[in-house]
Amino acid sequence: MKELRACKKCRRITTELRCPYCGGETTLEWHGYVFIVNKELSQIAKEMNLENGEFAIRVR
């Protein structure tokens, strides 16, 4: 099973070496996990300016 990685640019969670969403470099050094299902109803998505999907809270 591949390890979960986070994009250094957009913070999306993926298993790829390059982010399939923005093309940025990914890393294994990340903390926290946010899953946005409906960005219109999510206060966290509004505050963090996120779309629907899986995101790391902090990426190193």
PDB file of N, CA and C in Angstrom:
ATOM      1  N   MET A   1       0.836  -1.186   0.000  1.00  0.00           N
ATOM      2  CA  MET A   1       0.000   0.000   0.000  1.00  0.00           C
ATOM      3  C   MET A   1       0.880   1.249   0.000  1.00  0.00           C
ATOM      4  N   LYS A   2       0.563   2.192  -0.873  1.00  0.00           N
ATOM      5  CA  LYS A   2       1.340   3.417  -0.974  1.00  0.00           C
ATOM      6  C   LYS A   2       1.043   4.342   0.205  1.00  0.00           C
ATOM      7  N   GLU A   3       2.054   5.109   0.582  1.00  0.00           N
ATOM      8  CA  GLU A   3       1.895   6.060   1.677  1.00  0.00           C
ATOM      9  C   GLU A   3       1.187   7.310   1.193  1.00  0.00           C
ATOM     10  N   LEU A   4       0.419   7.916   2.074  1.00  0.00           N
ATOM     11  CA  LEU A   4      -0.245   9.167   1.726  1.00  0.00           C
ATOM     12  C   LEU A   4       0.754  10.308   1.758  1.00  0.00           C
ATOM     13  N   ARG A   5       0.660  11.163   0.766  1.00  0.00           N
ATOM     14  CA  ARG A   5       1.541  12.316   0.629  1.00  0.00           C
ATOM     15  C   ARG A   5       0.680  13.570   0.525  1.00  0.00           C
ATOM     16  N   ALA A   6       1.264  14.715   0.798  1.00  0.00           N
ATOM     17  CA  ALA A   6       0.546  15.989   0.687  1.00  0.00           C
ATOM     18  C   ALA A   6       1.304  16.910  -0.252  1.00  0.00           C
ATOM     19  N   CYS A   7       0.555  17.641  -1.064  1.00  0.00           N
ATOM     20  CA  CYS A   7       1.152  18.593  -2.004  1.00  0.00           C
ATOM     21  C   CYS A   7       1.652  19.816  -1.241  1.00  0.00           C
ATOM     22  N   LYS A   8       2.853  20.253  -1.554  1.00  0.00           N
ATOM     23  CA  LYS A   8       3.421  21.430  -0.907  1.00  0.00           C
ATOM     24  C   LYS A   8       2.751  22.722  -1.359  1.00  0.00           C
ATOM     25  N   LYS A   9       2.115  22.694  -2.523  1.00  0.00           N
ATOM     26  CA  LYS A   9       1.458  23.886  -3.066  1.00  0.00           C
ATOM     27  C   LYS A   9       0.003  24.008  -2.614  1.00  0.00           C
ATOM     28  N   CYS A  10      -0.807  22.991  -2.896  1.00  0.00           N
ATOM     29  CA  CYS A  10      -2.247  23.083  -2.641  1.00  0.00           C
ATOM     30  C   CYS A  10      -2.713  22.259  -1.444  1.00  0.00           C
ATOM     31  N   ARG A  11      -1.803  21.499  -0.805  1.00  0.00           N
ATOM     32  CA  ARG A  11      -2.071  20.692   0.390  1.00  0.00           C
ATOM     33  C   ARG A  11      -3.001  19.507   0.173  1.00  0.00           C
ATOM     34  N   ARG A  12      -3.330  19.149  -1.062  1.00  0.00           N
ATOM     35  CA  ARG A  12      -4.188  17.981  -1.316  1.00  0.00           C
ATOM     36  C   ARG A  12      -3.447  16.706  -0.964  1.00  0.00           C
ATOM     37  N   ILE A  13      -4.191  15.724  -0.461  1.00  0.00           N
ATOM     38  CA  ILE A  13      -3.643  14.418  -0.113  1.00  0.00           C
ATOM     39  C   ILE A  13      -3.688  13.526  -1.352  1.00  0.00           C
ATOM     40  N   THR A  14      -2.569  12.825  -1.611  1.00  0.00           N
ATOM     41  CA  THR A  14      -2.462  11.937  -2.758  1.00  0.00           C
ATOM     42  C   THR A  14      -1.438  10.847  -2.452  1.00  0.00           C
ATOM     43  N   THR A  15      -1.280   9.895  -3.319  1.00  0.00           N
ATOM     44  CA  THR A  15      -0.223   8.891  -3.189  1.00  0.00           C
ATOM     45  C   THR A  15       0.850   9.085  -4.252  1.00  0.00           C
ATOM     46  N   GLU A  16       0.688  10.084  -5.083  1.00  0.00           N
ATOM     47  CA  GLU A  16       1.604  10.345  -6.201  1.00  0.00           C
ATOM     48  C   GLU A  16       2.792  11.204  -5.767  1.00  0.00           C
ATOM     49  N   LEU A  17       3.897  11.169  -6.548  1.00  0.00           N
ATOM     50  CA  LEU A  17       5.057  12.015  -6.283  1.00  0.00           C
ATOM     51  C   LEU A  17       4.813  13.456  -6.728  1.00  0.00           C
ATOM     52  N   ARG A  18       3.960  13.618  -7.728  1.00  0.00           N
ATOM     53  CA  ARG A  18       3.537  14.942  -8.201  1.00  0.00           C
ATOM     54  C   ARG A  18       2.038  15.050  -8.004  1.00  0.00           C
ATOM     55  N   CYS A  19       1.579  16.201  -7.582  1.00  0.00           N
ATOM     56  CA  CYS A  19       0.153  16.408  -7.338  1.00  0.00           C
ATOM     57  C   CYS A  19      -0.629  16.332  -8.652  1.00  0.00           C
ATOM     58  N   PRO A  20      -1.653  15.481  -8.711  1.00  0.00           N
ATOM     59  CA  PRO A  20      -2.446  15.378  -9.936  1.00  0.00           C
ATOM     60  C   PRO A  20      -3.368  16.585 -10.154  1.00  0.00           C
ATOM     61  N   TYR A  21      -3.506  17.445  -9.156  1.00  0.00           N
ATOM     62  CA  TYR A  21      -4.397  18.606  -9.248  1.00  0.00           C
ATOM     63  C   TYR A  21      -3.669  19.874  -9.694  1.00  0.00           C
ATOM     64  N   CYS A  22      -2.467  20.123  -9.122  1.00  0.00           N
ATOM     65  CA  CYS A  22      -1.762  21.361  -9.475  1.00  0.00           C
ATOM     66  C   CYS A  22      -0.363  21.121 -10.041  1.00  0.00           C
ATOM     67  N   GLY A  23       0.131  19.873  -9.978  1.00  0.00           N
ATOM     68  CA  GLY A  23       1.454  19.555 -10.505  1.00  0.00           C
ATOM     69  C   GLY A  23       2.591  19.818  -9.537  1.00  0.00           C
ATOM     70  N   GLY A  24       2.265  20.235  -8.318  1.00  0.00           N
ATOM     71  CA  GLY A  24       3.291  20.539  -7.326  1.00  0.00           C
ATOM     72  C   GLY A  24       3.950  19.297  -6.761  1.00  0.00           C
ATOM     73  N   GLU A  25       5.073  19.495  -6.099  1.00  0.00           N
ATOM     74  CA  GLU A  25       5.808  18.416  -5.450  1.00  0.00           C
ATOM     75  C   GLU A  25       5.061  17.970  -4.190  1.00  0.00           C
ATOM     76  N   THR A  26       5.080  16.680  -3.905  1.00  0.00           N
ATOM     77  CA  THR A  26       4.428  16.172  -2.700  1.00  0.00           C
ATOM     78  C   THR A  26       5.469  15.717  -1.685  1.00  0.00           C
ATOM     79  N   THR A  27       5.056  15.602  -0.441  1.00  0.00           N
ATOM     80  CA  THR A  27       5.943  15.217   0.640  1.00  0.00           C
ATOM     81  C   THR A  27       5.238  14.272   1.603  1.00  0.00           C
ATOM     82  N   LEU A  28       6.031  13.508   2.329  1.00  0.00           N
ATOM     83  CA  LEU A  28       5.503  12.635   3.367  1.00  0.00           C
ATOM     84  C   LEU A  28       5.394  13.382   4.705  1.00  0.00           C
ATOM     85  N   GLU A  29       5.960  14.579   4.776  1.00  0.00           N
ATOM     86  CA  GLU A  29       5.982  15.359   6.008  1.00  0.00           C
ATOM     87  C   GLU A  29       4.792  16.313   6.062  1.00  0.00           C
ATOM     88  N   TRP A  30       3.703  15.814   6.618  1.00  0.00           N
ATOM     89  CA  TRP A  30       2.495  16.626   6.768  1.00  0.00           C
ATOM     90  C   TRP A  30       1.765  16.195   8.019  1.00  0.00           C
ATOM     91  N   HIS A  31       0.903  17.089   8.537  1.00  0.00           N
ATOM     92  CA  HIS A  31       0.171  16.810   9.768  1.00  0.00           C
ATOM     93  C   HIS A  31      -1.266  17.264   9.624  1.00  0.00           C
ATOM     94  N   GLY A  32      -2.166  16.555  10.270  1.00  0.00           N
ATOM     95  CA  GLY A  32      -3.583  16.916  10.258  1.00  0.00           C
ATOM     96  C   GLY A  32      -4.252  16.530   8.964  1.00  0.00           C
ATOM     97  N   TYR A  33      -5.557  16.360   9.040  1.00  0.00           N
ATOM     98  CA  TYR A  33      -6.300  15.864   7.889  1.00  0.00           C
ATOM     99  C   TYR A  33      -7.679  16.504   7.892  1.00  0.00           C
ATOM    100  N   VAL A  34      -8.055  17.096   6.778  1.00  0.00           N
ATOM    101  CA  VAL A  34      -9.378  17.704   6.622  1.00  0.00           C
ATOM    102  C   VAL A  34     -10.019  17.109   5.380  1.00  0.00           C
ATOM    103  N   PHE A  35     -11.261  16.653   5.523  1.00  0.00           N
ATOM    104  CA  PHE A  35     -12.003  16.119   4.391  1.00  0.00           C
ATOM    105  C   PHE A  35     -13.219  17.019   4.182  1.00  0.00           C
ATOM    106  N   ILE A  36     -13.254  17.746   3.068  1.00  0.00           N
ATOM    107  CA  ILE A  36     -14.339  18.674   2.762  1.00  0.00           C
ATOM    108  C   ILE A  36     -15.316  17.977   1.819  1.00  0.00           C
ATOM    109  N   VAL A  37     -16.565  17.872   2.253  1.00  0.00           N
ATOM    110  CA  VAL A  37     -17.600  17.226   1.455  1.00  0.00           C
ATOM    111  C   VAL A  37     -18.433  18.265   0.717  1.00  0.00           C
ATOM    112  N   ASN A  38     -18.761  19.362   1.386  1.00  0.00           N
ATOM    113  CA  ASN A  38     -19.583  20.410   0.783  1.00  0.00           C
ATOM    114  C   ASN A  38     -19.009  21.765   1.187  1.00  0.00           C
ATOM    115  N   LYS A  39     -18.208  22.361   0.304  1.00  0.00           N
ATOM    116  CA  LYS A  39     -17.505  23.596   0.651  1.00  0.00           C
ATOM    117  C   LYS A  39     -18.447  24.758   0.939  1.00  0.00           C
ATOM    118  N   GLU A  40     -19.643  24.753   0.357  1.00  0.00           N
ATOM    119  CA  GLU A  40     -20.583  25.840   0.588  1.00  0.00           C
ATOM    120  C   GLU A  40     -21.113  25.845   2.028  1.00  0.00           C
ATOM    121  N   LEU A  41     -21.184  24.671   2.655  1.00  0.00           N
ATOM    122  CA  LEU A  41     -21.709  24.563   4.020  1.00  0.00           C
ATOM    123  C   LEU A  41     -20.609  24.446   5.079  1.00  0.00           C
ATOM    124  N   SER A  42     -19.364  24.394   4.663  1.00  0.00           N
ATOM    125  CA  SER A  42     -18.258  24.180   5.587  1.00  0.00           C
ATOM    126  C   SER A  42     -17.569  25.491   5.966  1.00  0.00           C
ATOM    127  N   GLN A  43     -17.600  25.812   7.249  1.00  0.00           N
ATOM    128  CA  GLN A  43     -16.913  27.011   7.736  1.00  0.00           C
ATOM    129  C   GLN A  43     -15.402  26.833   7.616  1.00  0.00           C
ATOM    130  N   ILE A  44     -14.916  25.624   7.851  1.00  0.00           N
ATOM    131  CA  ILE A  44     -13.481  25.350   7.726  1.00  0.00           C
ATOM    132  C   ILE A  44     -13.012  25.557   6.292  1.00  0.00           C
ATOM    133  N   ALA A  45     -13.782  25.092   5.319  1.00  0.00           N
ATOM    134  CA  ALA A  45     -13.418  25.281   3.907  1.00  0.00           C
ATOM    135  C   ALA A  45     -13.360  26.759   3.558  1.00  0.00           C
ATOM    136  N   LYS A  46     -14.294  27.535   4.098  1.00  0.00           N
ATOM    137  CA  LYS A  46     -14.290  28.977   3.827  1.00  0.00           C
ATOM    138  C   LYS A  46     -13.075  29.651   4.446  1.00  0.00           C
ATOM    139  N   GLU A  47     -12.754  29.305   5.687  1.00  0.00           N
ATOM    140  CA  GLU A  47     -11.622  29.930   6.373  1.00  0.00           C
ATOM    141  C   GLU A  47     -10.279  29.530   5.769  1.00  0.00           C
ATOM    142  N   MET A  48     -10.168  28.273   5.316  1.00  0.00           N
ATOM    143  CA  MET A  48      -8.915  27.796   4.733  1.00  0.00           C
ATOM    144  C   MET A  48      -8.884  27.954   3.215  1.00  0.00           C
ATOM    145  N   ASN A  49      -9.986  28.444   2.631  1.00  0.00           N
ATOM    146  CA  ASN A  49     -10.099  28.643   1.184  1.00  0.00           C
ATOM    147  C   ASN A  49      -9.837  27.335   0.427  1.00  0.00           C
ATOM    148  N   LEU A  50     -10.619  26.283   0.771  1.00  0.00           N
ATOM    149  CA  LEU A  50     -10.449  24.962   0.185  1.00  0.00           C
ATOM    150  C   LEU A  50     -11.654  24.553  -0.638  1.00  0.00           C
ATOM    151  N   GLU A  51     -11.421  23.675  -1.596  1.00  0.00           N
ATOM    152  CA  GLU A  51     -12.471  23.070  -2.402  1.00  0.00           C
ATOM    153  C   GLU A  51     -12.886  21.757  -1.740  1.00  0.00           C
ATOM    154  N   ASN A  52     -13.757  20.997  -2.363  1.00  0.00           N
ATOM    155  CA  ASN A  52     -14.096  19.665  -1.884  1.00  0.00           C
ATOM    156  C   ASN A  52     -12.905  18.741  -2.102  1.00  0.00           C
ATOM    157  N   GLY A  53     -12.623  17.880  -1.135  1.00  0.00           N
ATOM    158  CA  GLY A  53     -11.534  16.930  -1.258  1.00  0.00           C
ATOM    159  C   GLY A  53     -10.845  16.693   0.055  1.00  0.00           C
ATOM    160  N   GLU A  54      -9.665  16.049  -0.019  1.00  0.00           N
ATOM    161  CA  GLU A  54      -8.873  15.691   1.154  1.00  0.00           C
ATOM    162  C   GLU A  54      -7.633  16.580   1.217  1.00  0.00           C
ATOM    163  N   PHE A  55      -7.393  17.199   2.374  1.00  0.00           N
ATOM    164  CA  PHE A  55      -6.298  18.156   2.509  1.00  0.00           C
ATOM    165  C   PHE A  55      -5.529  17.950   3.800  1.00  0.00           C
ATOM    166  N   ALA A  56      -4.239  18.280   3.751  1.00  0.00           N
ATOM    167  CA  ALA A  56      -3.409  18.301   4.955  1.00  0.00           C
ATOM    168  C   ALA A  56      -3.573  19.675   5.605  1.00  0.00           C
ATOM    169  N   ILE A  57      -3.547  19.709   6.912  1.00  0.00           N
ATOM    170  CA  ILE A  57      -3.649  20.991   7.604  1.00  0.00           C
ATOM    171  C   ILE A  57      -2.310  21.713   7.570  1.00  0.00           C
ATOM    172  N   ARG A  58      -1.215  20.959   7.785  1.00  0.00           N
ATOM    173  CA  ARG A  58       0.106  21.577   7.738  1.00  0.00           C
ATOM    174  C   ARG A  58       1.043  20.709   6.919  1.00  0.00           C
ATOM    175  N   VAL A  59       1.775  21.325   6.006  1.00  0.00           N
ATOM    176  CA  VAL A  59       2.722  20.610   5.127  1.00  0.00           C
ATOM    177  C   VAL A  59       4.103  21.224   5.332  1.00  0.00           C
ATOM    178  N   ARG A  60       5.109  20.352   5.450  1.00  0.00           N
ATOM    179  CA  ARG A  60       6.484  20.836   5.632  1.00  0.00           C
ATOM    180  C   ARG A  60       7.285  20.629   4.377  1.00  0.00           C
TER     181      ARG A  60
END
